[in-house]
């Protein structure tokens, strides 16, 4: 058992290992910023639609309250039914918006993850790394083995989004 550990340690000395912070890559790359902005815009658009439906419900309730004494029983019942239908429509729209947003997030994450894996593969090969680990799953890593900034730079070089701002240094 000790021989295996010593042999493993000797092997590990020749292995070039690094870590990176995927959260920083997501937050600091041009593509990550574009994806975040797209998701925020998608969510804002859905929220506008929901706000419009909510306003309709509020308007209908206000109308019912203000006109309750002057409306016939039939008209009051019809308005209450319309309000209930609009509430159901609103709830359905909220559920649909949530599902659509979750699908957008999943699609964006999958696309970004694929891009990240391509960048990590190229970076690892070009820089001679044997292993690149997710820093969030490593109990300890010295700062000297963190290659996050280099991966962010490589990501920005390899993955140019059509919506990404041009590099500041004119590349």
Protein backbone atom coordinates (compact mmCIF):
# COMPACT_ATOMS: atom_id res chain seq x y z
CA UNK A 1 0.00 0.00 0.00
CA UNK A 2 2.77 2.45 0.89
CA UNK A 3 4.61 1.54 -2.31
CA UNK A 4 1.51 2.37 -4.32
CA UNK A 5 1.21 5.75 -2.60
CA UNK A 6 4.89 6.54 -3.15
CA UNK A 7 4.69 5.43 -6.77
CA UNK A 8 1.58 7.57 -7.21
CA UNK A 9 3.34 10.56 -5.67
CA UNK A 10 6.30 10.12 -8.00
CA UNK A 11 3.94 9.97 -10.96
CA UNK A 12 2.08 13.03 -9.74
CA UNK A 13 5.31 15.06 -9.67
CA UNK A 14 5.54 14.79 -13.44
CA UNK A 15 1.91 15.72 -14.01
CA UNK A 16 1.13 19.33 -14.86
CA UNK A 17 -2.11 20.27 -13.09
CA UNK A 18 -4.02 23.53 -12.94
CA UNK A 19 -7.37 24.81 -11.72
CA UNK A 20 -9.80 27.40 -13.01
CA UNK A 21 -12.91 29.10 -11.67
CA UNK A 22 -15.80 28.43 -14.10
CA UNK A 23 -17.93 31.09 -12.41
CA UNK A 24 -15.33 33.75 -13.22
CA UNK A 25 -15.12 32.46 -16.80
CA UNK A 26 -18.89 32.76 -17.12
CA UNK A 27 -18.96 36.25 -15.61
CA UNK A 28 -15.84 37.73 -17.19
CA UNK A 29 -15.76 36.46 -20.77
CA UNK A 30 -17.32 38.49 -23.53
CA UNK A 31 -19.56 35.54 -24.45
CA UNK A 32 -20.62 35.08 -20.83
CA UNK A 33 -21.62 38.73 -20.64
CA UNK A 34 -23.58 38.42 -23.90
CA UNK A 35 -25.39 35.30 -22.66
CA UNK A 36 -26.25 37.01 -19.38
CA UNK A 37 -27.60 40.07 -21.22
CA UNK A 38 -29.66 37.89 -23.58
CA UNK A 39 -31.19 35.98 -20.67
CA UNK A 40 -31.95 39.19 -18.81
CA UNK A 41 -33.62 40.64 -21.93
CA UNK A 42 -35.64 37.45 -22.43
CA UNK A 43 -36.77 37.53 -18.81
CA UNK A 44 -37.63 41.24 -19.01
CA UNK A 45 -39.76 40.66 -22.11
CA UNK A 46 -41.68 37.86 -20.42
CA UNK A 47 -42.10 40.02 -17.32
CA UNK A 48 -43.58 42.84 -19.43
CA UNK A 49 -46.16 40.42 -20.81
CA UNK A 50 -47.02 39.22 -17.32
CA UNK A 51 -47.22 42.78 -16.01
CA UNK A 52 -49.70 43.65 -18.77
CA UNK A 53 -51.93 40.71 -17.81
CA UNK A 54 -51.64 41.63 -14.13
CA UNK A 55 -52.70 45.18 -14.96
CA UNK A 56 -55.74 43.86 -16.83
CA UNK A 57 -56.76 41.84 -13.76
CA UNK A 58 -56.30 44.87 -11.51
CA UNK A 59 -58.29 47.07 -13.89
CA UNK A 60 -61.13 44.56 -14.03
CA UNK A 61 -61.18 44.25 -10.23
CA UNK A 62 -61.21 48.03 -9.86
CA UNK A 63 -64.06 48.25 -12.35
CA UNK A 64 -66.01 45.64 -10.38
CA UNK A 65 -65.40 47.43 -7.10
CA UNK A 66 -66.27 50.88 -8.41
CA UNK A 67 -69.39 49.75 -10.26
CA UNK A 68 -70.58 47.04 -7.88
CA UNK A 69 -73.65 48.98 -6.74
CA UNK A 70 -74.73 50.07 -10.22
CA UNK A 71 -74.24 46.73 -12.01
CA UNK A 72 -76.97 44.17 -12.35
CA UNK A 73 -76.45 40.80 -10.69
CA UNK A 74 -75.93 39.21 -14.11
CA UNK A 75 -73.34 41.80 -15.16
CA UNK A 76 -71.55 41.45 -11.79
CA UNK A 77 -71.44 37.67 -12.17
CA UNK A 78 -70.18 37.99 -15.75
CA UNK A 79 -67.44 40.41 -14.68
CA UNK A 80 -66.40 38.13 -11.81
CA UNK A 81 -66.22 35.22 -14.26
CA UNK A 82 -64.12 37.33 -16.66
CA UNK A 83 -61.78 38.21 -13.78
CA UNK A 84 -61.39 34.54 -12.86
CA UNK A 85 -60.66 33.64 -16.47
CA UNK A 86 -58.07 36.41 -16.67
CA UNK A 87 -56.47 35.17 -13.43
CA UNK A 88 -56.26 31.65 -14.87
CA UNK A 89 -54.75 33.12 -18.05
CA UNK A 90 -52.22 35.04 -15.94
CA UNK A 91 -51.27 31.94 -13.94
CA UNK A 92 -50.90 29.93 -17.13
CA UNK A 93 -48.77 32.66 -18.68
CA UNK A 94 -46.57 32.76 -15.56
CA UNK A 95 -46.03 29.01 -15.72
CA UNK A 96 -45.29 29.15 -19.44
CA UNK A 97 -42.87 32.03 -18.96
CA UNK A 98 -41.06 30.15 -16.21
CA UNK A 99 -40.77 27.03 -18.37
CA UNK A 100 -39.57 29.06 -21.36
CA UNK A 101 -37.01 30.85 -19.21
CA UNK A 102 -35.73 27.56 -17.79
CA UNK A 103 -35.37 26.22 -21.34
CA UNK A 104 -33.49 29.36 -22.40
CA UNK A 105 -31.15 29.01 -19.42
CA UNK A 106 -30.52 25.33 -20.15
CA UNK A 107 -29.83 26.04 -23.84
CA UNK A 108 -27.47 28.90 -23.00
CA UNK A 109 -25.67 26.82 -20.37
CA UNK A 110 -25.25 23.90 -22.77
CA UNK A 111 -23.93 26.16 -25.53
CA UNK A 112 -21.54 27.95 -23.15
CA UNK A 113 -20.40 24.65 -21.60
CA UNK A 114 -19.59 23.28 -25.06
CA UNK A 115 -17.58 26.38 -25.87
CA UNK A 116 -15.79 26.21 -22.52
CA UNK A 117 -14.85 22.57 -23.03
CA UNK A 118 -13.41 23.41 -26.47
CA UNK A 119 -11.39 26.26 -24.95
CA UNK A 120 -10.16 24.07 -22.07
CA UNK A 121 -9.14 21.33 -24.50
CA UNK A 122 -7.17 23.73 -26.69
CA UNK A 123 -5.66 25.56 -23.71
CA UNK A 124 -4.66 22.33 -21.97
CA UNK A 125 -2.97 20.96 -25.08
CA UNK A 126 -1.24 24.20 -26.03
CA UNK A 127 0.04 24.83 -22.51
CA UNK A 128 1.01 21.21 -21.82
CA UNK A 129 -1.39 20.54 -18.97
CA UNK A 130 -2.26 16.97 -18.10
CA UNK A 131 -5.21 17.93 -15.91
CA UNK A 132 -7.30 21.09 -15.52
CA UNK A 133 -9.68 20.94 -12.58
CA UNK A 134 -12.70 22.98 -11.54
CA UNK A 135 -11.40 25.06 -8.62
CA UNK A 136 -14.79 24.84 -6.92
CA UNK A 137 -14.44 21.08 -6.48
CA UNK A 138 -10.84 21.11 -5.27
CA UNK A 139 -10.19 21.25 -1.53
CA UNK A 140 -6.95 23.19 -1.97
CA UNK A 141 -4.99 24.66 -4.85
CA UNK A 142 -2.10 27.08 -4.62
CA UNK A 143 -2.71 30.36 -6.37
CA UNK A 144 0.17 29.64 -8.77
CA UNK A 145 -1.81 26.81 -10.42
CA UNK A 146 -4.92 28.94 -11.04
CA UNK A 147 -5.17 29.60 -14.77
CA UNK A 148 -8.59 31.28 -14.77
CA UNK A 149 -7.38 34.58 -16.20
CA UNK A 150 -5.50 32.82 -19.00
CA UNK A 151 -8.60 30.74 -19.79
CA UNK A 152 -10.75 33.88 -19.89
CA UNK A 153 -8.28 35.45 -22.33
CA UNK A 154 -8.18 32.29 -24.47
CA UNK A 155 -11.98 32.03 -24.39
CA UNK A 156 -12.31 35.61 -25.63
CA UNK A 157 -9.80 34.88 -28.41
CA UNK A 158 -11.43 31.62 -29.52
CA UNK A 159 -15.10 32.44 -29.07
CA UNK A 160 -16.07 35.72 -30.62
CA UNK A 161 -19.75 36.45 -30.22
CA UNK A 162 -21.42 38.56 -32.86
CA UNK A 163 -22.87 40.59 -29.98
CA UNK A 164 -19.61 40.85 -28.04
CA UNK A 165 -17.89 44.22 -27.89
CA UNK A 166 -14.67 44.44 -29.91
CA UNK A 167 -11.46 44.00 -27.90
CA UNK A 168 -10.19 47.21 -26.34
CA UNK A 169 -6.63 46.71 -27.62
CA UNK A 170 -7.73 46.52 -31.27
CA UNK A 171 -7.19 42.76 -31.80
